[in-house]
């Protein structure tokens, strides 16, 4: 149970970090990050991107934030299909957080039981196995993303979202706020945070 819970907890922790609105500001500040080809710049772009991230939080107003959002010229920022997709993303995030909480509870209960009964070696073994599963999984996913980012990205969306609900043109707001570079950096940071936790856990559990 501990070995199974560890990867889920680690990935949930990493997801929490990426759902902090500062992540959009951080990305836009990186040298070479692509500008919006349609002229959305500076604070306006950053604010809209942060609003998009807040809209997929598992708790809070959700899609209403997008409905109320406006571009600098006063026009509606997000169309109906974009809002629907972000609402679908929020549903997926909620499921991920529920799984994270279940893993925390189950793993914590198992760890408490093993520690209480004096089976410290078994606890350490479970933690190490979970850490190694995480490291191997992140290595495989990272390699796949490096070799074939677009097929992996598209495949992920095809699994979790209905056809025709997640692909947008370059002129639409979601693509302007979150270009391919955004997702590449996000994937890399997610893997780095997960790997960092897993390596630290493996070293501490030895």
Protein backbone atom coordinates (compact mmCIF):
# COMPACT_ATOMS: atom_id res chain seq x y z
CA UNK A 1 0.00 0.00 0.00
CA UNK A 2 2.82 2.40 0.81
CA UNK A 3 4.68 1.61 -2.41
CA UNK A 4 1.52 2.29 -4.42
CA UNK A 5 0.68 5.46 -2.51
CA UNK A 6 4.10 7.12 -2.78
CA UNK A 7 3.99 7.92 -6.56
CA UNK A 8 0.47 9.31 -6.26
CA UNK A 9 1.41 11.52 -3.32
CA UNK A 10 4.56 12.76 -5.03
CA UNK A 11 2.74 13.64 -8.26
CA UNK A 12 -0.04 15.31 -6.29
CA UNK A 13 2.53 17.46 -4.49
CA UNK A 14 4.05 18.50 -7.82
CA UNK A 15 0.63 19.34 -9.23
CA UNK A 16 -0.08 21.61 -6.26
CA UNK A 17 3.06 23.61 -7.11
CA UNK A 18 2.07 24.00 -10.76
CA UNK A 19 -1.42 25.22 -9.82
CA UNK A 20 -0.05 28.27 -8.02
CA UNK A 21 -0.72 31.30 -10.27
CA UNK A 22 2.88 32.49 -9.96
CA UNK A 23 3.79 29.70 -12.36
CA UNK A 24 2.42 31.69 -15.30
CA UNK A 25 4.35 34.80 -14.25
CA UNK A 26 7.49 32.69 -13.89
CA UNK A 27 7.15 31.26 -17.39
CA UNK A 28 6.52 34.62 -19.05
CA UNK A 29 9.65 36.01 -17.39
CA UNK A 30 11.89 33.31 -18.87
CA UNK A 31 14.25 34.50 -21.64
CA UNK A 32 13.04 33.38 -25.05
CA UNK A 33 9.49 32.55 -23.98
CA UNK A 34 7.33 33.23 -27.08
CA UNK A 35 5.32 36.43 -27.24
CA UNK A 36 1.66 36.47 -28.17
CA UNK A 37 1.57 36.91 -31.97
CA UNK A 38 -1.62 38.95 -31.65
CA UNK A 39 -0.18 41.55 -29.31
CA UNK A 40 -1.35 40.54 -25.84
CA UNK A 41 1.56 41.51 -23.60
CA UNK A 42 2.73 42.31 -20.12
CA UNK A 43 0.34 42.39 -17.21
CA UNK A 44 -2.77 41.69 -19.32
CA UNK A 45 -1.45 38.36 -20.57
CA UNK A 46 -0.05 37.39 -17.19
CA UNK A 47 -3.30 38.24 -15.39
CA UNK A 48 -5.42 36.24 -17.84
CA UNK A 49 -3.07 33.26 -17.59
CA UNK A 50 -3.25 33.35 -13.80
CA UNK A 51 -7.04 33.54 -14.00
CA UNK A 52 -7.05 30.46 -16.21
CA UNK A 53 -5.00 28.57 -13.63
CA UNK A 54 -7.29 29.64 -10.79
CA UNK A 55 -10.32 28.52 -12.79
CA UNK A 56 -9.15 24.88 -12.69
CA UNK A 57 -8.56 24.79 -8.95
CA UNK A 58 -10.59 21.95 -7.38
CA UNK A 59 -12.40 24.45 -5.17
CA UNK A 60 -13.51 27.99 -5.95
CA UNK A 61 -15.65 29.72 -8.58
CA UNK A 62 -14.27 27.69 -11.50
CA UNK A 63 -15.44 28.62 -14.99
CA UNK A 64 -17.21 31.75 -13.77
CA UNK A 65 -13.78 33.38 -13.63
CA UNK A 66 -13.42 32.77 -17.36
CA UNK A 67 -16.94 33.94 -18.19
CA UNK A 68 -16.20 37.28 -16.53
CA UNK A 69 -12.75 37.72 -18.10
CA UNK A 70 -12.18 40.37 -20.76
CA UNK A 71 -9.41 41.24 -23.20
CA UNK A 72 -7.86 44.74 -23.06
CA UNK A 73 -10.31 45.95 -25.74
CA UNK A 74 -13.27 44.89 -23.59
CA UNK A 75 -14.26 41.85 -25.65
CA UNK A 76 -14.92 38.43 -24.12
CA UNK A 77 -11.62 36.69 -23.44
CA UNK A 78 -12.73 33.06 -23.64
CA UNK A 79 -15.23 31.46 -26.00
CA UNK A 80 -17.77 28.76 -25.01
CA UNK A 81 -15.59 25.86 -26.21
CA UNK A 82 -12.58 27.22 -24.33
CA UNK A 83 -14.62 27.58 -21.16
CA UNK A 84 -16.00 24.07 -21.54
CA UNK A 85 -12.51 22.65 -21.96
CA UNK A 86 -11.20 24.43 -18.89
CA UNK A 87 -14.19 23.13 -16.94
CA UNK A 88 -13.30 19.62 -18.14
CA UNK A 89 -9.71 20.22 -17.01
CA UNK A 90 -11.02 21.28 -13.62
CA UNK A 91 -12.92 18.01 -13.36
CA UNK A 92 -9.73 16.10 -14.09
CA UNK A 93 -7.83 18.15 -11.50
CA UNK A 94 -10.54 17.42 -8.93
CA UNK A 95 -10.20 13.70 -9.64
CA UNK A 96 -6.42 13.94 -9.28
CA UNK A 97 -6.72 15.75 -5.95
CA UNK A 98 -9.20 13.17 -4.69
CA UNK A 99 -6.77 10.40 -5.62
CA UNK A 100 -3.98 12.36 -3.94
CA UNK A 101 -5.96 12.65 -0.70
CA UNK A 102 -6.88 8.95 -0.75
CA UNK A 103 -3.23 8.02 -1.29
CA UNK A 104 -2.16 10.31 1.55
CA UNK A 105 -4.72 8.76 3.90
CA UNK A 106 -4.05 5.15 2.90
CA UNK A 107 -0.28 5.51 2.84
CA UNK A 108 -0.26 7.41 6.10
CA UNK A 109 -2.43 4.79 7.79
CA UNK A 110 -0.20 1.97 6.53
CA UNK A 111 2.94 3.81 7.64
CA UNK A 112 1.44 4.44 11.08
CA UNK A 113 0.52 0.77 11.41
CA UNK A 114 3.96 -0.49 10.41
CA UNK A 115 5.72 2.00 12.67
CA UNK A 116 3.46 1.15 15.60
CA UNK A 117 4.07 -2.59 15.24
CA UNK A 118 7.82 -2.12 14.98
CA UNK A 119 8.08 -3.05 11.31
CA UNK A 120 10.33 -0.13 10.48
CA UNK A 121 12.28 -2.08 7.86
CA UNK A 122 9.06 -2.89 5.98
CA UNK A 123 8.10 0.79 6.09
CA UNK A 124 11.45 1.81 4.65
CA UNK A 125 11.19 -0.86 1.96
CA UNK A 126 7.75 0.37 0.91
CA UNK A 127 8.98 3.95 0.71
CA UNK A 128 12.02 2.95 -1.36
CA UNK A 129 9.95 0.87 -3.77
CA UNK A 130 7.48 3.75 -4.20
CA UNK A 131 10.35 6.15 -4.83
CA UNK A 132 11.89 3.85 -7.43
CA UNK A 133 8.52 3.43 -9.18
CA UNK A 134 8.25 7.21 -9.35
CA UNK A 135 11.78 7.65 -10.69
CA UNK A 136 11.28 4.99 -13.37
CA UNK A 137 7.90 6.41 -14.40
CA UNK A 138 9.18 9.97 -14.66
CA UNK A 139 12.21 8.80 -16.64
CA UNK A 140 10.01 6.98 -19.15
CA UNK A 141 7.54 9.86 -19.46
CA UNK A 142 10.36 12.40 -19.74
CA UNK A 143 12.02 10.41 -22.50
CA UNK A 144 8.74 10.10 -24.36
CA UNK A 145 8.14 13.85 -24.09
CA UNK A 146 11.62 14.63 -25.39
CA UNK A 147 11.36 12.25 -28.32
CA UNK A 148 7.74 12.87 -29.32
CA UNK A 149 6.19 15.75 -27.39
CA UNK A 150 3.21 16.38 -29.68
CA UNK A 151 2.06 12.72 -29.99
CA UNK A 152 2.30 12.27 -26.22
CA UNK A 153 0.51 15.58 -25.57
CA UNK A 154 -2.23 14.79 -28.08
CA UNK A 155 -2.56 11.22 -26.81
CA UNK A 156 -3.06 12.45 -23.25
CA UNK A 157 -5.86 14.75 -24.36
CA UNK A 158 -7.52 12.08 -26.47
CA UNK A 159 -7.66 9.80 -23.42
CA UNK A 160 -9.13 12.29 -20.98
CA UNK A 161 -11.19 14.67 -23.15
CA UNK A 162 -13.86 14.31 -25.80
CA UNK A 163 -12.78 14.74 -29.43
CA UNK A 164 -13.16 18.28 -30.71
CA UNK A 165 -13.20 19.88 -27.26
CA UNK A 166 -9.50 20.48 -26.65
CA UNK A 167 -7.90 21.66 -29.91
CA UNK A 168 -7.77 25.42 -30.53
CA UNK A 169 -6.51 27.78 -33.20
CA UNK A 170 -3.55 30.07 -32.67
CA UNK A 171 -5.87 33.09 -32.52
CA UNK A 172 -7.89 31.72 -29.59
CA UNK A 173 -7.09 32.91 -26.09
CA UNK A 174 -6.06 29.59 -24.57
CA UNK A 175 -3.40 29.09 -27.24
CA UNK A 176 -2.24 32.68 -26.86
CA UNK A 177 -1.85 32.29 -23.10
CA UNK A 178 -0.50 28.74 -23.06
CA UNK A 179 1.60 28.00 -26.19
CA UNK A 180 3.45 24.72 -26.69
CA UNK A 181 6.48 26.16 -24.87
CA UNK A 182 4.33 26.63 -21.76
CA UNK A 183 3.39 22.96 -21.69
CA UNK A 184 6.93 21.82 -22.43
CA UNK A 185 8.26 23.81 -19.46
CA UNK A 186 5.36 22.68 -17.26
CA UNK A 187 6.01 19.02 -18.09
CA UNK A 188 9.71 19.40 -17.39
CA UNK A 189 9.11 21.15 -14.08
CA UNK A 190 6.51 18.55 -13.04
CA UNK A 191 9.02 15.78 -13.72
CA UNK A 192 11.82 17.66 -11.92
CA UNK A 193 9.71 18.26 -8.80
CA UNK A 194 8.55 14.63 -8.75
CA UNK A 195 12.07 13.29 -9.29
CA UNK A 196 13.49 15.56 -6.60
CA UNK A 197 10.97 14.27 -4.06
CA UNK A 198 11.51 10.65 -5.08
CA UNK A 199 15.31 10.83 -4.88
CA UNK A 200 15.18 12.56 -1.50
CA UNK A 201 12.71 9.97 -0.19
CA UNK A 202 14.84 7.09 -1.47
CA UNK A 203 17.93 8.50 0.23
CA UNK A 204 16.13 9.18 3.53
CA UNK A 205 14.43 5.78 3.58
CA UNK A 206 17.70 3.81 3.19
